Amino acid sequence: MKISVIVPAFNEEKLIDATLRGIGAAMESFSQHGWTTEMIVCDNNSTDSTAALARAAGAQVIFEPVNQIARARNSGAAAATGDWLVFVDADS
C-alpha cells in the first residue's frame, strides 16, 4: 500500500514547515504499518519561499502556474503514484 499526501500551497512560507512536520509524523506511523509514502507539495505560483521550504523538508515539489486551488489539487494528484491520495491544506 502506498499513500500519497498532497499539499496544495500558495504563499505558505509561515506555516508550511509545521504542516510538513505533522505530515511527516503521520507518514512515520504509516511506515510502521508497512505502507510506503510520498509527500507532494504543489506550489501554486507562490511568490515567497514556500517551494524552497517544502523541498528542504523532503517533499517532492511540483508547480502549477494557474493560481486556483482545484488546479493545484489536480496537479498534485496527477503527480502522485500512491494507491490512496490524501489532501492536506498547507496551513493545517
C-alpha atoms as a PDB file:
ATOM      1  CA  MET A   1       0.000   0.000   0.000  1.00  0.00           C
ATOM      2  CA  LYS A   2       1.331   3.426  -0.921  1.00  0.00           C
ATOM      3  CA  ILE A   3      -0.072   6.683   0.472  1.00  0.00           C
ATOM      4  CA  SER A   4       0.396   9.951  -1.417  1.00  0.00           C
ATOM      5  CA  VAL A   5      -0.036  13.066   0.720  1.00  0.00           C
ATOM      6  CA  ILE A   6      -0.716  16.083  -1.486  1.00  0.00           C
ATOM      7  CA  VAL A   7      -0.433  19.643  -0.211  1.00  0.00           C
ATOM      8  CA  PRO A   8      -1.611  22.479  -2.474  1.00  0.00           C
ATOM      9  CA  ALA A   9       0.195  25.643  -1.373  1.00  0.00           C
ATOM     10  CA  PHE A  10       0.173  29.324  -2.252  1.00  0.00           C
ATOM     11  CA  ASN A  11       2.445  31.688  -0.270  1.00  0.00           C
ATOM     12  CA  GLU A  12       2.506  29.470   2.821  1.00  0.00           C
ATOM     13  CA  GLU A  13       6.088  30.085   3.998  1.00  0.00           C
ATOM     14  CA  LYS A  14       4.912  30.975   7.519  1.00  0.00           C
ATOM     15  CA  LEU A  15       3.042  27.713   8.089  1.00  0.00           C
ATOM     16  CA  ILE A  16       4.420  25.117   5.665  1.00  0.00           C
ATOM     17  CA  ASP A  17       7.197  23.883   7.988  1.00  0.00           C
ATOM     18  CA  ALA A  18       4.801  22.988  10.802  1.00  0.00           C
ATOM     19  CA  THR A  19       2.353  21.373   8.395  1.00  0.00           C
ATOM     20  CA  LEU A  20       5.026  19.234   6.762  1.00  0.00           C
ATOM     21  CA  ARG A  21       6.404  18.188  10.162  1.00  0.00           C
ATOM     22  CA  GLY A  22       2.933  16.992  11.122  1.00  0.00           C
ATOM     23  CA  ILE A  23       2.557  15.130   7.855  1.00  0.00           C
ATOM     24  CA  GLY A  24       5.994  13.598   8.368  1.00  0.00           C
ATOM     25  CA  ALA A  25       4.931  12.279  11.770  1.00  0.00           C
ATOM     26  CA  ALA A  26       1.843  10.684  10.225  1.00  0.00           C
ATOM     27  CA  MET A  27       3.980   9.185   7.479  1.00  0.00           C
ATOM     28  CA  GLU A  28       6.205   7.554  10.109  1.00  0.00           C
ATOM     29  CA  SER A  29       3.099   5.887  11.509  1.00  0.00           C
ATOM     30  CA  PHE A  30       2.166   4.660   8.026  1.00  0.00           C
ATOM     31  CA  SER A  31       5.673   3.222   7.640  1.00  0.00           C
ATOM     32  CA  GLN A  32       5.289   1.300  10.897  1.00  0.00           C
ATOM     33  CA  HIS A  33       2.337  -0.455   9.288  1.00  0.00           C
ATOM     34  CA  GLY A  34       4.450  -1.394   6.279  1.00  0.00           C
ATOM     35  CA  TRP A  35       2.995   1.244   3.968  1.00  0.00           C
ATOM     36  CA  THR A  36       5.164   3.406   1.728  1.00  0.00           C
ATOM     37  CA  THR A  37       4.546   7.117   1.387  1.00  0.00           C
ATOM     38  CA  GLU A  38       5.267  10.170  -0.676  1.00  0.00           C
ATOM     39  CA  MET A  39       4.704  13.821   0.131  1.00  0.00           C
ATOM     40  CA  ILE A  40       3.914  16.153  -2.764  1.00  0.00           C
ATOM     41  CA  VAL A  41       3.628  19.922  -2.427  1.00  0.00           C
ATOM     42  CA  CYS A  42       2.022  21.669  -5.366  1.00  0.00           C
ATOM     43  CA  ASP A  43       3.396  25.209  -5.423  1.00  0.00           C
ATOM     44  CA  ASN A  44       0.503  27.213  -6.855  1.00  0.00           C
ATOM     45  CA  ASN A  45       2.548  30.113  -8.242  1.00  0.00           C
ATOM     46  CA  SER A  46       3.842  31.314  -4.871  1.00  0.00           C
ATOM     47  CA  THR A  47       5.921  34.479  -4.656  1.00  0.00           C
ATOM     48  CA  ASP A  48       7.574  33.568  -1.355  1.00  0.00           C
ATOM     49  CA  SER A  49       9.837  30.705  -0.254  1.00  0.00           C
ATOM     50  CA  THR A  50       7.100  28.067   0.017  1.00  0.00           C
ATOM     51  CA  ALA A  51       8.655  25.771  -2.609  1.00  0.00           C
ATOM     52  CA  ALA A  52      12.175  26.006  -1.184  1.00  0.00           C
ATOM     53  CA  LEU A  53      10.956  25.248   2.330  1.00  0.00           C
ATOM     54  CA  ALA A  54       8.964  22.263   1.071  1.00  0.00           C
ATOM     55  CA  ARG A  55      11.994  20.868  -0.778  1.00  0.00           C
ATOM     56  CA  ALA A  56      14.119  21.348   2.349  1.00  0.00           C
ATOM     57  CA  ALA A  57      11.531  19.345   4.302  1.00  0.00           C
ATOM     58  CA  GLY A  58      11.883  16.457   1.848  1.00  0.00           C
ATOM     59  CA  ALA A  59       8.725  16.983  -0.197  1.00  0.00           C
ATOM     60  CA  GLN A  60       8.531  16.494  -3.931  1.00  0.00           C
ATOM     61  CA  VAL A  61       7.574  19.933  -5.266  1.00  0.00           C
ATOM     62  CA  ILE A  62       5.626  20.428  -8.448  1.00  0.00           C
ATOM     63  CA  PHE A  63       4.492  23.732  -9.926  1.00  0.00           C
ATOM     64  CA  GLU A  64       1.039  24.821 -11.058  1.00  0.00           C
ATOM     65  CA  PRO A  65       1.114  28.279 -12.693  1.00  0.00           C
ATOM     66  CA  VAL A  66      -2.648  28.933 -12.660  1.00  0.00           C
ATOM     67  CA  ASN A  67      -3.498  30.216  -9.198  1.00  0.00           C
ATOM     68  CA  GLN A  68      -6.568  28.122  -8.406  1.00  0.00           C
ATOM     69  CA  ILE A  69      -6.936  25.586  -5.601  1.00  0.00           C
ATOM     70  CA  ALA A  70      -8.669  22.983  -7.781  1.00  0.00           C
ATOM     71  CA  ARG A  71      -5.860  23.132 -10.336  1.00  0.00           C
ATOM     72  CA  ALA A  72      -3.255  22.771  -7.574  1.00  0.00           C
ATOM     73  CA  ARG A  73      -5.030  19.727  -6.139  1.00  0.00           C
ATOM     74  CA  ASN A  74      -5.411  18.153  -9.569  1.00  0.00           C
ATOM     75  CA  SER A  75      -1.765  18.784 -10.488  1.00  0.00           C
ATOM     76  CA  GLY A  76      -0.684  17.171  -7.229  1.00  0.00           C
ATOM     77  CA  ALA A  77      -2.957  14.190  -7.881  1.00  0.00           C
ATOM     78  CA  ALA A  78      -1.563  13.807 -11.392  1.00  0.00           C
ATOM     79  CA  ALA A  79       1.980  13.599  -9.986  1.00  0.00           C
ATOM     80  CA  ALA A  80       1.029  11.108  -7.261  1.00  0.00           C
ATOM     81  CA  THR A  81       1.893   7.427  -7.531  1.00  0.00           C
ATOM     82  CA  GLY A  82       0.087   6.169  -4.442  1.00  0.00           C
ATOM     83  CA  ASP A  83      -2.833   3.793  -4.062  1.00  0.00           C
ATOM     84  CA  TRP A  84      -4.546   6.297  -1.787  1.00  0.00           C
ATOM     85  CA  LEU A  85      -4.441  10.081  -2.132  1.00  0.00           C
ATOM     86  CA  VAL A  86      -4.672  12.259   0.969  1.00  0.00           C
ATOM     87  CA  PHE A  87      -5.099  16.019   0.552  1.00  0.00           C
ATOM     88  CA  VAL A  88      -3.981  18.338   3.351  1.00  0.00           C
ATOM     89  CA  ASP A  89      -4.196  22.130   3.340  1.00  0.00           C
ATOM     90  CA  ALA A  90      -0.815  23.828   3.689  1.00  0.00           C
ATOM     91  CA  ASP A  91      -1.993  25.824   6.704  1.00  0.00           C
ATOM     92  CA  SER A  92      -3.309  22.833   8.665  1.00  0.00           C
END
